[in-house]
Amino acid sequence: MARLPDGTLLPWAASNRDRTFDERLYDAALEDMFAIPYETGPIIPVTTENHDPGRIRVERLFEAVYGRSERGVALAAIRFAGHRVEVHTRVKDAFLRVGARLQALLREDPSLRKFVRKVGGTFVWRPIAGASLRSSHSYGIAIDLDPSQAAYWRWDEKVGGRAWHNTLPQTLVDGFESEGFIWGGRWYHYDTMHFEYRPELLDGRP
């Protein structure tokens, strides 16, 4: 059980643990968020169906931490890889640390600049594309790198060629993960432009 500041109790486990992935995705218990381990390390293709560590979230928990409405999300404007972006005040420092890492990488290897030529968004109050769930962008804890350099399963599905693929280099992924961000390229439903702040999944403890 977890108790939110307003007194709401969130169960650790659902009453029925024999549920489909979609049932857990749309009606998650706390346990479900950790059911699929997030693993760092070398980038490898994700071929196991619904292996999407981090996509399952308990919305009530995230609302309690980051805000329940568009106006309720506390934002800070920062510079990130040369762009002005708005992120949640709670994760501002993590974004600044990643930004500093990326700037160092860009100085060492200017060819990486194409991945941050544009950013596809940080704070945007919206649902996940094709779903009723709220996007992590709604809380100001996520960022999309240049979409023109990315692979996204919904785009590929529209043209009938969905299969995991990626062009982002290991160094960029490592830079984000080292500061508590997970990467959508480690999902079966791949979204290689997408990073979101989820340090609880990188904690290393059960």
N, C-alpha and C. Protein backbone atom coordinates (compact mmCIF):
# COMPACT_ATOMS: atom_id res chain seq x y z
N MET A 1 0.84 -1.19 0.00
CA MET A 1 0.00 0.00 0.00
C MET A 1 0.89 1.24 0.00
N ALA A 2 0.43 2.26 -0.71
CA ALA A 2 1.07 3.57 -0.66
C ALA A 2 0.01 4.59 -0.33
N ARG A 3 0.35 5.54 0.52
CA ARG A 3 -0.60 6.59 0.90
C ARG A 3 -0.18 7.90 0.25
N LEU A 4 -1.07 8.48 -0.53
CA LEU A 4 -0.80 9.76 -1.17
C LEU A 4 -1.03 10.90 -0.18
N PRO A 5 -0.52 12.09 -0.47
CA PRO A 5 -0.69 13.21 0.47
C PRO A 5 -2.15 13.53 0.82
N ASP A 6 -3.07 13.23 -0.10
CA ASP A 6 -4.48 13.51 0.20
C ASP A 6 -5.15 12.38 0.97
N GLY A 7 -4.37 11.37 1.34
CA GLY A 7 -4.90 10.25 2.09
C GLY A 7 -5.32 9.06 1.26
N THR A 8 -5.33 9.20 -0.06
CA THR A 8 -5.70 8.09 -0.93
C THR A 8 -4.71 6.94 -0.77
N LEU A 9 -5.24 5.73 -0.67
CA LEU A 9 -4.41 4.54 -0.57
C LEU A 9 -4.34 3.85 -1.93
N LEU A 10 -3.13 3.56 -2.37
CA LEU A 10 -2.92 2.84 -3.62
C LEU A 10 -2.45 1.44 -3.30
N PRO A 11 -3.11 0.41 -3.82
CA PRO A 11 -2.69 -0.96 -3.52
C PRO A 11 -1.38 -1.31 -4.22
N TRP A 12 -0.57 -2.13 -3.57
CA TRP A 12 0.67 -2.59 -4.20
C TRP A 12 0.34 -3.52 -5.36
N ALA A 13 -0.60 -4.44 -5.16
CA ALA A 13 -0.93 -5.43 -6.19
C ALA A 13 -2.42 -5.37 -6.50
N ALA A 14 -2.76 -5.70 -7.73
CA ALA A 14 -4.16 -5.78 -8.13
C ALA A 14 -4.79 -7.04 -7.55
N SER A 15 -6.10 -7.01 -7.37
CA SER A 15 -6.79 -8.17 -6.82
C SER A 15 -6.68 -9.37 -7.76
N ASN A 16 -6.60 -9.09 -9.06
CA ASN A 16 -6.43 -10.15 -10.06
C ASN A 16 -5.08 -9.97 -10.75
N ARG A 17 -4.13 -10.83 -10.43
CA ARG A 17 -2.80 -10.70 -11.03
C ARG A 17 -2.70 -11.36 -12.40
N ASP A 18 -3.69 -12.16 -12.75
CA ASP A 18 -3.69 -12.85 -14.04
C ASP A 18 -4.37 -11.97 -15.07
N ARG A 19 -3.67 -10.91 -15.45
CA ARG A 19 -4.25 -9.93 -16.38
C ARG A 19 -3.38 -9.79 -17.61
N THR A 20 -3.98 -9.32 -18.70
CA THR A 20 -3.24 -9.09 -19.93
C THR A 20 -2.38 -7.84 -19.78
N PHE A 21 -1.47 -7.66 -20.73
CA PHE A 21 -0.63 -6.46 -20.72
C PHE A 21 -1.50 -5.21 -20.80
N ASP A 22 -2.48 -5.19 -21.69
CA ASP A 22 -3.33 -4.01 -21.84
C ASP A 22 -4.12 -3.73 -20.57
N GLU A 23 -4.58 -4.76 -19.90
CA GLU A 23 -5.31 -4.56 -18.65
C GLU A 23 -4.42 -3.93 -17.60
N ARG A 24 -3.17 -4.35 -17.55
CA ARG A 24 -2.24 -3.74 -16.59
C ARG A 24 -1.86 -2.32 -17.01
N LEU A 25 -1.77 -2.10 -18.32
CA LEU A 25 -1.41 -0.78 -18.82
C LEU A 25 -2.48 0.25 -18.47
N TYR A 26 -3.74 -0.13 -18.61
CA TYR A 26 -4.82 0.83 -18.42
C TYR A 26 -5.38 0.86 -17.00
N ASP A 27 -5.01 -0.11 -16.18
CA ASP A 27 -5.49 -0.13 -14.79
C ASP A 27 -4.38 -0.69 -13.92
N ALA A 28 -3.31 0.07 -13.81
CA ALA A 28 -2.09 -0.43 -13.18
C ALA A 28 -2.15 -0.35 -11.66
N ALA A 29 -1.56 -1.35 -11.03
CA ALA A 29 -1.23 -1.31 -9.61
C ALA A 29 0.26 -0.99 -9.51
N LEU A 30 0.69 -0.61 -8.32
CA LEU A 30 2.09 -0.24 -8.15
C LEU A 30 3.03 -1.37 -8.58
N GLU A 31 2.68 -2.57 -8.24
CA GLU A 31 3.52 -3.72 -8.60
C GLU A 31 3.74 -3.81 -10.09
N ASP A 32 2.71 -3.45 -10.86
CA ASP A 32 2.80 -3.58 -12.32
C ASP A 32 3.88 -2.68 -12.92
N MET A 33 4.15 -1.55 -12.28
CA MET A 33 5.16 -0.63 -12.82
C MET A 33 6.55 -1.27 -12.83
N PHE A 34 6.78 -2.23 -11.92
CA PHE A 34 8.10 -2.84 -11.78
C PHE A 34 8.14 -4.26 -12.32
N ALA A 35 7.03 -4.73 -12.89
CA ALA A 35 6.94 -6.13 -13.31
C ALA A 35 7.88 -6.45 -14.46
N ILE A 36 8.15 -5.47 -15.31
CA ILE A 36 9.08 -5.67 -16.44
C ILE A 36 10.36 -4.90 -16.12
N PRO A 37 11.43 -5.57 -15.79
CA PRO A 37 12.66 -4.86 -15.40
C PRO A 37 13.22 -4.02 -16.54
N TYR A 38 13.68 -2.83 -16.18
CA TYR A 38 14.36 -1.97 -17.16
C TYR A 38 15.85 -2.26 -17.06
N GLU A 39 16.47 -2.62 -18.17
CA GLU A 39 17.88 -2.98 -18.17
C GLU A 39 18.69 -2.02 -19.04
N THR A 40 19.73 -1.48 -18.47
CA THR A 40 20.65 -0.63 -19.21
C THR A 40 21.69 -1.51 -19.89
N GLY A 41 22.68 -0.85 -20.52
CA GLY A 41 23.74 -1.62 -21.17
C GLY A 41 23.68 -1.49 -22.68
N PRO A 42 24.32 -2.39 -23.39
CA PRO A 42 24.36 -2.31 -24.85
C PRO A 42 22.97 -2.28 -25.46
N ILE A 43 22.81 -1.51 -26.51
CA ILE A 43 21.53 -1.44 -27.22
C ILE A 43 21.34 -2.73 -28.01
N ILE A 44 20.22 -3.38 -27.75
CA ILE A 44 19.89 -4.61 -28.49
C ILE A 44 18.45 -4.53 -28.96
N PRO A 45 18.12 -5.18 -30.07
CA PRO A 45 16.73 -5.18 -30.55
C PRO A 45 15.79 -5.78 -29.51
N VAL A 46 14.60 -5.20 -29.41
CA VAL A 46 13.58 -5.71 -28.49
C VAL A 46 12.58 -6.50 -29.31
N THR A 47 12.56 -7.80 -29.11
CA THR A 47 11.71 -8.68 -29.92
C THR A 47 10.65 -9.40 -29.10
N THR A 48 10.73 -9.31 -27.77
CA THR A 48 9.73 -9.96 -26.92
C THR A 48 8.47 -9.09 -26.87
N GLU A 49 7.36 -9.67 -27.24
CA GLU A 49 6.11 -8.91 -27.33
C GLU A 49 5.78 -8.26 -25.98
N ASN A 50 5.43 -6.98 -26.06
CA ASN A 50 5.01 -6.18 -24.90
C ASN A 50 6.10 -6.02 -23.84
N HIS A 51 7.34 -6.22 -24.23
CA HIS A 51 8.44 -5.94 -23.29
C HIS A 51 8.67 -4.42 -23.31
N ASP A 52 7.90 -3.73 -22.47
CA ASP A 52 7.89 -2.26 -22.46
C ASP A 52 8.15 -1.74 -21.05
N PRO A 53 9.33 -1.90 -20.50
CA PRO A 53 9.57 -1.46 -19.13
C PRO A 53 9.41 0.05 -18.98
N GLY A 54 8.51 0.43 -18.10
CA GLY A 54 8.27 1.85 -17.87
C GLY A 54 7.02 2.40 -18.51
N ARG A 55 6.45 1.69 -19.46
CA ARG A 55 5.22 2.20 -20.08
C ARG A 55 4.02 2.08 -19.14
N ILE A 56 4.07 1.13 -18.23
CA ILE A 56 2.97 0.97 -17.27
C ILE A 56 3.20 1.94 -16.11
N ARG A 57 2.21 2.82 -15.87
CA ARG A 57 2.32 3.82 -14.82
C ARG A 57 1.00 3.89 -14.04
N VAL A 58 1.10 4.20 -12.77
CA VAL A 58 -0.09 4.47 -11.95
C VAL A 58 -0.34 5.97 -12.01
N GLU A 59 -1.36 6.38 -12.74
CA GLU A 59 -1.57 7.80 -12.98
C GLU A 59 -1.81 8.59 -11.70
N ARG A 60 -2.52 7.99 -10.74
CA ARG A 60 -2.78 8.72 -9.49
C ARG A 60 -1.48 9.08 -8.78
N LEU A 61 -0.50 8.19 -8.84
CA LEU A 61 0.79 8.45 -8.22
C LEU A 61 1.50 9.60 -8.93
N PHE A 62 1.51 9.58 -10.25
CA PHE A 62 2.19 10.64 -11.00
C PHE A 62 1.49 11.98 -10.86
N GLU A 63 0.16 11.95 -10.77
CA GLU A 63 -0.58 13.19 -10.52
C GLU A 63 -0.22 13.77 -9.16
N ALA A 64 -0.08 12.90 -8.15
CA ALA A 64 0.26 13.38 -6.82
C ALA A 64 1.65 14.00 -6.76
N VAL A 65 2.57 13.44 -7.55
CA VAL A 65 3.95 13.93 -7.53
C VAL A 65 4.13 15.16 -8.41
N TYR A 66 3.50 15.16 -9.59
CA TYR A 66 3.82 16.18 -10.60
C TYR A 66 2.67 17.15 -10.91
N GLY A 67 1.43 16.78 -10.62
CA GLY A 67 0.32 17.68 -10.89
C GLY A 67 -0.83 17.01 -11.58
N ARG A 68 -2.06 17.40 -11.20
CA ARG A 68 -3.26 16.75 -11.71
C ARG A 68 -3.90 17.49 -12.87
N SER A 69 -3.42 18.68 -13.18
CA SER A 69 -4.00 19.46 -14.26
C SER A 69 -2.89 20.21 -14.98
N GLU A 70 -3.21 20.72 -16.15
CA GLU A 70 -2.20 21.46 -16.93
C GLU A 70 -1.64 22.62 -16.13
N ARG A 71 -2.52 23.34 -15.43
CA ARG A 71 -2.06 24.48 -14.63
C ARG A 71 -1.39 24.04 -13.33
N GLY A 72 -1.64 22.80 -12.93
CA GLY A 72 -1.07 22.33 -11.69
C GLY A 72 0.35 21.81 -11.79
N VAL A 73 0.90 21.75 -13.00
CA VAL A 73 2.27 21.27 -13.20
C VAL A 73 3.23 22.46 -13.05
N ALA A 74 4.11 22.38 -12.06
CA ALA A 74 5.06 23.47 -11.81
C ALA A 74 6.23 23.35 -12.79
N LEU A 75 6.42 24.38 -13.60
CA LEU A 75 7.40 24.32 -14.68
C LEU A 75 8.55 25.28 -14.47
N ALA A 76 9.70 24.89 -15.03
CA ALA A 76 10.87 25.75 -15.06
C ALA A 76 11.40 25.77 -16.49
N ALA A 77 11.76 26.94 -16.99
CA ALA A 77 12.34 27.07 -18.33
C ALA A 77 13.86 26.91 -18.23
N ILE A 78 14.40 26.04 -19.06
CA ILE A 78 15.85 25.81 -19.06
C ILE A 78 16.34 25.78 -20.51
N ARG A 79 17.66 25.82 -20.66
CA ARG A 79 18.29 25.61 -21.96
C ARG A 79 18.77 24.17 -22.01
N PHE A 80 18.41 23.47 -23.08
CA PHE A 80 18.80 22.08 -23.22
C PHE A 80 19.29 21.86 -24.64
N ALA A 81 20.56 21.55 -24.79
CA ALA A 81 21.17 21.32 -26.11
C ALA A 81 20.87 22.46 -27.06
N GLY A 82 20.89 23.68 -26.54
CA GLY A 82 20.67 24.85 -27.37
C GLY A 82 19.22 25.25 -27.54
N HIS A 83 18.30 24.55 -26.92
CA HIS A 83 16.88 24.83 -27.06
C HIS A 83 16.30 25.29 -25.72
N ARG A 84 15.33 26.19 -25.79
CA ARG A 84 14.59 26.56 -24.58
C ARG A 84 13.45 25.58 -24.42
N VAL A 85 13.40 24.91 -23.28
CA VAL A 85 12.34 23.94 -23.02
C VAL A 85 11.79 24.17 -21.62
N GLU A 86 10.58 23.66 -21.38
CA GLU A 86 9.97 23.75 -20.07
C GLU A 86 9.87 22.34 -19.48
N VAL A 87 10.35 22.18 -18.27
CA VAL A 87 10.31 20.89 -17.59
C VAL A 87 9.78 21.10 -16.17
N HIS A 88 9.39 20.02 -15.53
CA HIS A 88 8.90 20.13 -14.16
C HIS A 88 10.02 20.58 -13.24
N THR A 89 9.68 21.42 -12.28
CA THR A 89 10.70 21.93 -11.36
C THR A 89 11.40 20.79 -10.60
N ARG A 90 10.68 19.70 -10.35
CA ARG A 90 11.27 18.59 -9.60
C ARG A 90 12.37 17.88 -10.39
N VAL A 91 12.33 17.96 -11.71
CA VAL A 91 13.31 17.23 -12.52
C VAL A 91 14.25 18.17 -13.27
N LYS A 92 14.15 19.46 -12.97
CA LYS A 92 14.99 20.44 -13.67
C LYS A 92 16.47 20.10 -13.57
N ASP A 93 16.93 19.77 -12.37
CA ASP A 93 18.36 19.50 -12.19
C ASP A 93 18.81 18.28 -12.99
N ALA A 94 17.96 17.27 -13.05
CA ALA A 94 18.30 16.07 -13.83
C ALA A 94 18.43 16.42 -15.31
N PHE A 95 17.52 17.24 -15.81
CA PHE A 95 17.62 17.68 -17.21
C PHE A 95 18.88 18.50 -17.44
N LEU A 96 19.23 19.36 -16.50
CA LEU A 96 20.44 20.17 -16.66
C LEU A 96 21.69 19.29 -16.66
N ARG A 97 21.70 18.26 -15.84
CA ARG A 97 22.86 17.35 -15.83
C ARG A 97 22.97 16.60 -17.15
N VAL A 98 21.85 16.13 -17.67
CA VAL A 98 21.89 15.45 -18.98
C VAL A 98 22.34 16.42 -20.05
N GLY A 99 21.81 17.65 -20.01
CA GLY A 99 22.20 18.65 -20.99
C GLY A 99 23.70 18.90 -20.98
N ALA A 100 24.29 18.96 -19.80
CA ALA A 100 25.74 19.16 -19.69
C ALA A 100 26.50 17.98 -20.28
N ARG A 101 26.01 16.76 -20.02
CA ARG A 101 26.63 15.58 -20.60
C ARG A 101 26.57 15.62 -22.13
N LEU A 102 25.40 16.01 -22.66
CA LEU A 102 25.25 16.05 -24.11
C LEU A 102 26.15 17.11 -24.73
N GLN A 103 26.26 18.25 -24.09
CA GLN A 103 27.14 19.29 -24.64
C GLN A 103 28.58 18.80 -24.72
N ALA A 104 29.02 18.05 -23.72
CA ALA A 104 30.38 17.50 -23.76
C ALA A 104 30.51 16.50 -24.89
N LEU A 105 29.49 15.67 -25.08
CA LEU A 105 29.53 14.69 -26.17
C LEU A 105 29.54 15.39 -27.53
N LEU A 106 28.78 16.47 -27.66
CA LEU A 106 28.73 17.19 -28.94
C LEU A 106 30.06 17.84 -29.27
N ARG A 107 30.75 18.32 -28.24
CA ARG A 107 32.07 18.90 -28.49
C ARG A 107 33.05 17.83 -28.98
N GLU A 108 32.93 16.63 -28.42
CA GLU A 108 33.83 15.55 -28.82
C GLU A 108 33.46 14.99 -30.19
N ASP A 109 32.18 14.96 -30.49
CA ASP A 109 31.72 14.34 -31.74
C ASP A 109 30.60 15.18 -32.34
N PRO A 110 30.92 16.19 -33.16
CA PRO A 110 29.90 17.07 -33.74
C PRO A 110 28.86 16.35 -34.59
N SER A 111 29.15 15.12 -35.03
CA SER A 111 28.17 14.39 -35.85
C SER A 111 26.90 14.06 -35.05
N LEU A 112 26.99 14.14 -33.74
CA LEU A 112 25.83 13.84 -32.91
C LEU A 112 24.81 14.97 -32.92
N ARG A 113 25.17 16.13 -33.44
CA ARG A 113 24.28 17.29 -33.39
C ARG A 113 22.96 17.04 -34.12
N LYS A 114 22.96 16.17 -35.11
CA LYS A 114 21.72 15.93 -35.86
C LYS A 114 20.62 15.35 -34.97
N PHE A 115 21.00 14.71 -33.88
CA PHE A 115 20.00 14.11 -33.00
C PHE A 115 19.33 15.14 -32.09
N VAL A 116 19.96 16.32 -31.95
CA VAL A 116 19.38 17.36 -31.10
C VAL A 116 19.14 18.65 -31.89
N ARG A 117 19.16 18.53 -33.23
CA ARG A 117 18.90 19.72 -34.06
C ARG A 117 17.54 20.31 -33.72
N LYS A 118 16.58 19.44 -33.45
CA LYS A 118 15.27 19.83 -32.96
C LYS A 118 14.96 18.96 -31.74
N VAL A 119 14.05 19.42 -30.92
CA VAL A 119 13.51 18.55 -29.89
C VAL A 119 11.99 18.53 -30.08
N GLY A 120 11.43 17.34 -29.93
CA GLY A 120 10.02 17.16 -30.24
C GLY A 120 9.09 17.49 -29.11
N GLY A 121 9.59 18.03 -28.03
CA GLY A 121 8.70 18.45 -26.96
C GLY A 121 9.15 17.97 -25.61
N THR A 122 8.92 18.80 -24.61
CA THR A 122 9.08 18.40 -23.21
C THR A 122 7.68 18.45 -22.60
N PHE A 123 7.27 19.60 -22.06
CA PHE A 123 5.95 19.67 -21.44
C PHE A 123 4.87 19.91 -22.50
N VAL A 124 3.99 18.94 -22.63
CA VAL A 124 2.79 19.07 -23.47
C VAL A 124 1.68 18.27 -22.77
N TRP A 125 0.64 18.95 -22.33
CA TRP A 125 -0.46 18.28 -21.63
C TRP A 125 -1.33 17.58 -22.67
N ARG A 126 -1.19 16.25 -22.75
CA ARG A 126 -1.90 15.50 -23.79
C ARG A 126 -1.95 14.02 -23.44
N PRO A 127 -2.84 13.28 -24.09
CA PRO A 127 -2.81 11.83 -23.93
C PRO A 127 -1.72 11.21 -24.80
N ILE A 128 -1.39 9.97 -24.49
CA ILE A 128 -0.50 9.21 -25.36
C ILE A 128 -1.19 9.02 -26.70
N ALA A 129 -0.45 9.13 -27.78
CA ALA A 129 -1.03 8.96 -29.11
C ALA A 129 -1.74 7.61 -29.20
N GLY A 130 -3.00 7.65 -29.63
CA GLY A 130 -3.75 6.42 -29.82
C GLY A 130 -4.25 5.77 -28.55
N ALA A 131 -4.19 6.50 -27.42
CA ALA A 131 -4.59 5.91 -26.14
C ALA A 131 -5.27 6.97 -25.29
N SER A 132 -5.94 6.52 -24.24
CA SER A 132 -6.60 7.44 -23.32
C SER A 132 -5.72 7.79 -22.13
N LEU A 133 -4.60 7.12 -21.99
CA LEU A 133 -3.69 7.39 -20.89
C LEU A 133 -2.96 8.71 -21.10
N ARG A 134 -2.62 9.37 -20.01
CA ARG A 134 -1.90 10.63 -20.12
C ARG A 134 -0.43 10.38 -20.43
N SER A 135 0.10 11.15 -21.35
CA SER A 135 1.51 11.05 -21.71
C SER A 135 2.39 11.54 -20.57
N SER A 136 3.57 10.99 -20.44
CA SER A 136 4.52 11.50 -19.45
C SER A 136 4.96 12.92 -19.78
N HIS A 137 4.78 13.36 -21.03
CA HIS A 137 5.05 14.76 -21.38
C HIS A 137 4.14 15.70 -20.61
N SER A 138 2.96 15.21 -20.23
CA SER A 138 2.01 16.04 -19.49
C SER A 138 2.56 16.49 -18.16
N TYR A 139 3.52 15.75 -17.62
CA TYR A 139 4.08 16.08 -16.31
C TYR A 139 5.40 16.84 -16.43
N GLY A 140 5.85 17.10 -17.65
CA GLY A 140 7.11 17.82 -17.83
C GLY A 140 8.33 17.01 -17.45
N ILE A 141 8.22 15.66 -17.57
CA ILE A 141 9.34 14.81 -17.17
C ILE A 141 9.94 14.06 -18.37
N ALA A 142 9.52 14.39 -19.58
CA ALA A 142 9.97 13.66 -20.77
C ALA A 142 10.44 14.63 -21.85
N ILE A 143 11.26 14.12 -22.74
CA ILE A 143 11.72 14.90 -23.89
C ILE A 143 11.87 13.97 -25.08
N ASP A 144 11.54 14.49 -26.26
CA ASP A 144 11.76 13.77 -27.50
C ASP A 144 12.88 14.46 -28.26
N LEU A 145 13.88 13.71 -28.66
CA LEU A 145 14.94 14.26 -29.51
C LEU A 145 14.41 14.41 -30.93
N ASP A 146 15.25 14.83 -31.85
CA ASP A 146 14.81 15.16 -33.21
C ASP A 146 14.03 14.00 -33.83
N PRO A 147 12.72 14.19 -34.07
CA PRO A 147 11.91 13.09 -34.62
C PRO A 147 12.39 12.57 -35.97
N SER A 148 13.07 13.43 -36.74
CA SER A 148 13.51 12.99 -38.07
C SER A 148 14.61 11.94 -38.00
N GLN A 149 15.21 11.79 -36.81
CA GLN A 149 16.28 10.80 -36.64
C GLN A 149 15.82 9.58 -35.86
N ALA A 150 14.51 9.47 -35.66
CA ALA A 150 14.01 8.45 -34.74
C ALA A 150 13.13 7.42 -35.44
N ALA A 151 12.90 6.34 -34.72
CA ALA A 151 11.97 5.29 -35.16
C ALA A 151 10.84 5.21 -34.15
N TYR A 152 9.62 5.05 -34.67
CA TYR A 152 8.43 5.01 -33.81
C TYR A 152 7.47 3.97 -34.35
N TRP A 153 7.04 3.08 -33.50
CA TRP A 153 6.27 1.93 -33.96
C TRP A 153 4.97 2.33 -34.64
N ARG A 154 4.32 3.38 -34.19
CA ARG A 154 3.05 3.79 -34.83
C ARG A 154 3.29 4.28 -36.25
N TRP A 155 4.38 5.03 -36.47
CA TRP A 155 4.69 5.47 -37.83
C TRP A 155 4.92 4.27 -38.73
N ASP A 156 5.70 3.32 -38.24
CA ASP A 156 6.02 2.15 -39.06
C ASP A 156 4.79 1.28 -39.30
N GLU A 157 3.94 1.18 -38.31
CA GLU A 157 2.74 0.35 -38.45
C GLU A 157 1.82 0.88 -39.55
N LYS A 158 1.80 2.19 -39.72
CA LYS A 158 0.94 2.80 -40.74
C LYS A 158 1.35 2.39 -42.15
N VAL A 159 2.62 2.11 -42.33
CA VAL A 159 3.10 1.72 -43.66
C VAL A 159 3.38 0.22 -43.73
N GLY A 160 2.95 -0.50 -42.71
CA GLY A 160 3.04 -1.96 -42.74
C GLY A 160 4.41 -2.53 -42.52
N GLY A 161 5.34 -1.75 -41.95
CA GLY A 161 6.69 -2.27 -41.80
C GLY A 161 7.20 -2.23 -40.38
N ARG A 162 6.31 -2.44 -39.43
CA ARG A 162 6.72 -2.34 -38.03
C ARG A 162 7.70 -3.44 -37.65
N ALA A 163 8.87 -3.02 -37.20
CA ALA A 163 9.89 -3.92 -36.66
C ALA A 163 10.90 -3.04 -35.94
N TRP A 164 11.33 -3.46 -34.77
CA TRP A 164 12.24 -2.65 -33.97
C TRP A 164 13.46 -2.25 -34.78
N HIS A 165 13.77 -0.96 -34.77
CA HIS A 165 15.02 -0.48 -35.37
C HIS A 165 15.41 0.82 -34.70
N ASN A 166 16.65 1.20 -34.85
CA ASN A 166 17.17 2.34 -34.09
C ASN A 166 18.40 2.93 -34.77
N THR A 167 18.54 4.26 -34.66
CA THR A 167 19.74 4.93 -35.15
C THR A 167 20.45 5.72 -34.04
N LEU A 168 19.82 5.86 -32.87
CA LEU A 168 20.46 6.63 -31.80
C LEU A 168 21.71 5.90 -31.30
N PRO A 169 22.81 6.62 -31.10
CA PRO A 169 24.04 5.98 -30.65
C PRO A 169 24.01 5.66 -29.15
N GLN A 170 24.81 4.70 -28.79
CA GLN A 170 24.91 4.26 -27.39
C GLN A 170 25.27 5.41 -26.45
N THR A 171 26.13 6.30 -26.89
CA THR A 171 26.60 7.37 -26.00
C THR A 171 25.47 8.28 -25.55
N LEU A 172 24.53 8.59 -26.44
CA LEU A 172 23.41 9.44 -26.06
C LEU A 172 22.50 8.71 -25.06
N VAL A 173 22.22 7.46 -25.35
CA VAL A 173 21.37 6.68 -24.45
C VAL A 173 22.01 6.57 -23.07
N ASP A 174 23.30 6.28 -23.03
CA ASP A 174 24.01 6.16 -21.75
C ASP A 174 23.95 7.48 -20.97
N GLY A 175 24.08 8.60 -21.67
CA GLY A 175 24.06 9.90 -21.01
C GLY A 175 22.75 10.15 -20.28
N PHE A 176 21.63 9.81 -20.93
CA PHE A 176 20.33 9.98 -20.29
C PHE A 176 20.14 8.99 -19.14
N GLU A 177 20.45 7.74 -19.39
CA GLU A 177 20.20 6.71 -18.37
C GLU A 177 21.03 6.96 -17.12
N SER A 178 22.20 7.51 -17.27
CA SER A 178 23.06 7.76 -16.11
C SER A 178 22.47 8.81 -15.18
N GLU A 179 21.49 9.58 -15.67
CA GLU A 179 20.86 10.62 -14.85
C GLU A 179 19.41 10.29 -14.51
N GLY A 180 19.01 9.02 -14.65
CA GLY A 180 17.70 8.62 -14.19
C GLY A 180 16.61 8.59 -15.23
N PHE A 181 16.97 8.69 -16.51
CA PHE A 181 15.98 8.67 -17.59
C PHE A 181 15.94 7.29 -18.23
N ILE A 182 14.74 6.86 -18.59
CA ILE A 182 14.60 5.63 -19.38
C ILE A 182 14.39 6.02 -20.84
N TRP A 183 14.63 5.06 -21.71
CA TRP A 183 14.62 5.31 -23.16
C TRP A 183 13.57 4.44 -23.83
N GLY A 184 12.78 5.08 -24.71
CA GLY A 184 11.75 4.36 -25.44
C GLY A 184 12.29 3.38 -26.46
N GLY A 185 13.57 3.38 -26.71
CA GLY A 185 14.18 2.40 -27.60
C GLY A 185 14.36 1.05 -26.94
N ARG A 186 14.11 0.97 -25.65
CA ARG A 186 14.18 -0.33 -24.96
C ARG A 186 12.79 -0.95 -24.83
N TRP A 187 11.86 -0.48 -25.66
CA TRP A 187 10.50 -1.00 -25.65
C TRP A 187 10.20 -1.79 -26.91
N TYR A 188 9.36 -2.80 -26.75
CA TYR A 188 8.82 -3.51 -27.92
C TYR A 188 8.01 -2.52 -28.77
N HIS A 189 7.22 -1.67 -28.12
CA HIS A 189 6.53 -0.57 -28.80
C HIS A 189 7.52 0.61 -28.85
N TYR A 190 8.50 0.50 -29.69
CA TYR A 190 9.66 1.38 -29.69
C TYR A 190 9.32 2.83 -30.05
N ASP A 191 10.04 3.72 -29.39
CA ASP A 191 9.89 5.17 -29.58
C ASP A 191 11.26 5.76 -29.29
N THR A 192 12.15 5.68 -30.28
CA THR A 192 13.57 5.92 -29.99
C THR A 192 13.93 7.38 -29.79
N MET A 193 12.99 8.29 -30.04
CA MET A 193 13.26 9.70 -29.74
C MET A 193 12.99 10.03 -28.28
N HIS A 194 12.32 9.14 -27.56
CA HIS A 194 11.69 9.46 -26.28
C HIS A 194 12.54 9.06 -25.08
N PHE A 195 12.70 10.02 -24.16
CA PHE A 195 13.33 9.77 -22.86
C PHE A 195 12.44 10.36 -21.78
N GLU A 196 12.30 9.67 -20.66
CA GLU A 196 11.51 10.20 -19.55
C GLU A 196 12.19 9.89 -18.22
N TYR A 197 12.01 10.79 -17.28
CA TYR A 197 12.66 10.68 -15.98
C TYR A 197 11.93 9.67 -15.12
N ARG A 198 12.56 8.50 -14.91
CA ARG A 198 11.96 7.43 -14.12
C ARG A 198 13.04 6.78 -13.24
N PRO A 199 13.59 7.53 -12.32
CA PRO A 199 14.73 6.98 -11.54
C PRO A 199 14.35 5.75 -10.74
N GLU A 200 13.06 5.59 -10.41
CA GLU A 200 12.65 4.42 -9.62
C GLU A 200 12.91 3.12 -10.37
N LEU A 201 12.97 3.18 -11.70
CA LEU A 201 13.22 1.98 -12.50
C LEU A 201 14.71 1.69 -12.68
N LEU A 202 15.55 2.65 -12.28
CA LEU A 202 16.99 2.50 -12.43
C LEU A 202 17.68 2.45 -11.07
N ASP A 203 16.90 2.24 -10.05
CA ASP A 203 17.41 2.30 -8.68
C ASP A 203 18.35 1.15 -8.36
N GLY A 204 18.11 -0.02 -8.96
CA GLY A 204 18.96 -1.17 -8.73
C GLY A 204 18.51 -2.05 -7.58
N ARG A 205 17.48 -1.58 -6.84
CA ARG A 205 16.94 -2.41 -5.77
C ARG A 205 15.64 -3.05 -6.22
N PRO A 206 15.21 -4.14 -5.59
CA PRO A 206 13.95 -4.79 -5.97
C PRO A 206 12.79 -3.84 -5.80
